[in-house]
């Protein structure tokens, strides 16, 4: 495993799915900053805490309204 010294942003899309993106790169369409930046390990740890339900938002909403 390499020693990654890059800085990343935690990003989230409209379905509330999380990822990390290099700080020096433009975000792809549909992704927005989630308000956390750091090295890869810190960003992944943040996602582990923040992303508690991995189902897409649209699925969660559909289940909530059908039950």
C-alpha atoms as a PDB file:
ATOM      1  CA  UNK A   1       0.000   0.000   0.000  1.00  0.00           C
ATOM      2  CA  UNK A   2       1.351   3.416  -0.908  1.00  0.00           C
ATOM      3  CA  UNK A   3       1.637   6.346   1.460  1.00  0.00           C
ATOM      4  CA  UNK A   4      -1.016   8.702   0.031  1.00  0.00           C
ATOM      5  CA  UNK A   5      -0.214  12.307   0.929  1.00  0.00           C
ATOM      6  CA  UNK A   6      -3.033  13.858  -1.129  1.00  0.00           C
ATOM      7  CA  UNK A   7      -5.824  15.876   0.417  1.00  0.00           C
ATOM      8  CA  UNK A   8      -9.428  14.930  -0.290  1.00  0.00           C
ATOM      9  CA  UNK A   9     -12.941  16.271   0.132  1.00  0.00           C
ATOM     10  CA  UNK A  10     -15.803  14.096   1.268  1.00  0.00           C
ATOM     11  CA  UNK A  11     -18.528  14.507  -1.349  1.00  0.00           C
ATOM     12  CA  UNK A  12     -22.154  13.469  -1.513  1.00  0.00           C
ATOM     13  CA  UNK A  13     -24.606  13.161  -4.391  1.00  0.00           C
ATOM     14  CA  UNK A  14     -28.354  13.799  -4.559  1.00  0.00           C
ATOM     15  CA  UNK A  15     -29.015  10.197  -3.504  1.00  0.00           C
ATOM     16  CA  UNK A  16     -26.971  10.865  -0.322  1.00  0.00           C
ATOM     17  CA  UNK A  17     -24.223   8.462  -1.367  1.00  0.00           C
ATOM     18  CA  UNK A  18     -20.731   9.402  -0.168  1.00  0.00           C
ATOM     19  CA  UNK A  19     -17.328   9.315  -1.788  1.00  0.00           C
ATOM     20  CA  UNK A  20     -13.988  11.089  -1.622  1.00  0.00           C
ATOM     21  CA  UNK A  21     -12.515  13.311  -4.299  1.00  0.00           C
ATOM     22  CA  UNK A  22      -9.053  14.794  -4.662  1.00  0.00           C
ATOM     23  CA  UNK A  23      -8.990  18.393  -3.408  1.00  0.00           C
ATOM     24  CA  UNK A  24      -7.125  19.612  -6.483  1.00  0.00           C
ATOM     25  CA  UNK A  25      -9.690  18.205  -8.955  1.00  0.00           C
ATOM     26  CA  UNK A  26     -13.029  19.610 -10.054  1.00  0.00           C
ATOM     27  CA  UNK A  27     -16.011  17.691  -8.731  1.00  0.00           C
ATOM     28  CA  UNK A  28     -17.934  15.621 -11.264  1.00  0.00           C
ATOM     29  CA  UNK A  29     -21.499  16.649 -12.087  1.00  0.00           C
ATOM     30  CA  UNK A  30     -24.009  15.654  -9.436  1.00  0.00           C
ATOM     31  CA  UNK A  31     -21.565  15.635  -6.505  1.00  0.00           C
ATOM     32  CA  UNK A  32     -21.321  18.300  -3.787  1.00  0.00           C
ATOM     33  CA  UNK A  33     -18.925  18.941  -0.888  1.00  0.00           C
ATOM     34  CA  UNK A  34     -20.108  17.338   2.355  1.00  0.00           C
ATOM     35  CA  UNK A  35     -18.109  19.722   4.545  1.00  0.00           C
ATOM     36  CA  UNK A  36     -15.164  17.516   5.487  1.00  0.00           C
ATOM     37  CA  UNK A  37     -11.623  17.462   4.099  1.00  0.00           C
ATOM     38  CA  UNK A  38      -8.423  15.693   5.047  1.00  0.00           C
ATOM     39  CA  UNK A  39      -6.176  12.840   4.074  1.00  0.00           C
ATOM     40  CA  UNK A  40      -7.658   9.657   2.611  1.00  0.00           C
ATOM     41  CA  UNK A  41      -7.850   7.788   5.920  1.00  0.00           C
ATOM     42  CA  UNK A  42      -9.563  10.684   7.711  1.00  0.00           C
ATOM     43  CA  UNK A  43     -12.100  11.116   4.911  1.00  0.00           C
ATOM     44  CA  UNK A  44     -12.909   7.417   4.826  1.00  0.00           C
ATOM     45  CA  UNK A  45     -13.307   7.385   8.613  1.00  0.00           C
ATOM     46  CA  UNK A  46     -15.691  10.338   8.366  1.00  0.00           C
ATOM     47  CA  UNK A  47     -17.759   8.530   5.733  1.00  0.00           C
ATOM     48  CA  UNK A  48     -17.862   5.429   7.952  1.00  0.00           C
ATOM     49  CA  UNK A  49     -19.468   7.542  10.700  1.00  0.00           C
ATOM     50  CA  UNK A  50     -21.734   9.691   8.514  1.00  0.00           C
ATOM     51  CA  UNK A  51     -23.072   7.168   6.001  1.00  0.00           C
ATOM     52  CA  UNK A  52     -25.136   4.929   8.253  1.00  0.00           C
ATOM     53  CA  UNK A  53     -27.718   3.786   5.688  1.00  0.00           C
ATOM     54  CA  UNK A  54     -26.170   2.816   2.364  1.00  0.00           C
ATOM     55  CA  UNK A  55     -29.476   2.625   0.518  1.00  0.00           C
ATOM     56  CA  UNK A  56     -29.999   5.478  -1.973  1.00  0.00           C
ATOM     57  CA  UNK A  57     -32.282   8.247  -0.703  1.00  0.00           C
ATOM     58  CA  UNK A  58     -34.925   7.521  -3.367  1.00  0.00           C
ATOM     59  CA  UNK A  59     -35.203   3.922  -2.181  1.00  0.00           C
ATOM     60  CA  UNK A  60     -35.479   4.945   1.473  1.00  0.00           C
ATOM     61  CA  UNK A  61     -38.237   7.433   0.575  1.00  0.00           C
ATOM     62  CA  UNK A  62     -40.116   4.870  -1.533  1.00  0.00           C
ATOM     63  CA  UNK A  63     -40.027   2.338   1.301  1.00  0.00           C
ATOM     64  CA  UNK A  64     -41.169   4.942   3.828  1.00  0.00           C
ATOM     65  CA  UNK A  65     -44.192   5.964   1.742  1.00  0.00           C
ATOM     66  CA  UNK A  66     -45.222   2.430   0.804  1.00  0.00           C
ATOM     67  CA  UNK A  67     -45.413   1.125   4.360  1.00  0.00           C
END
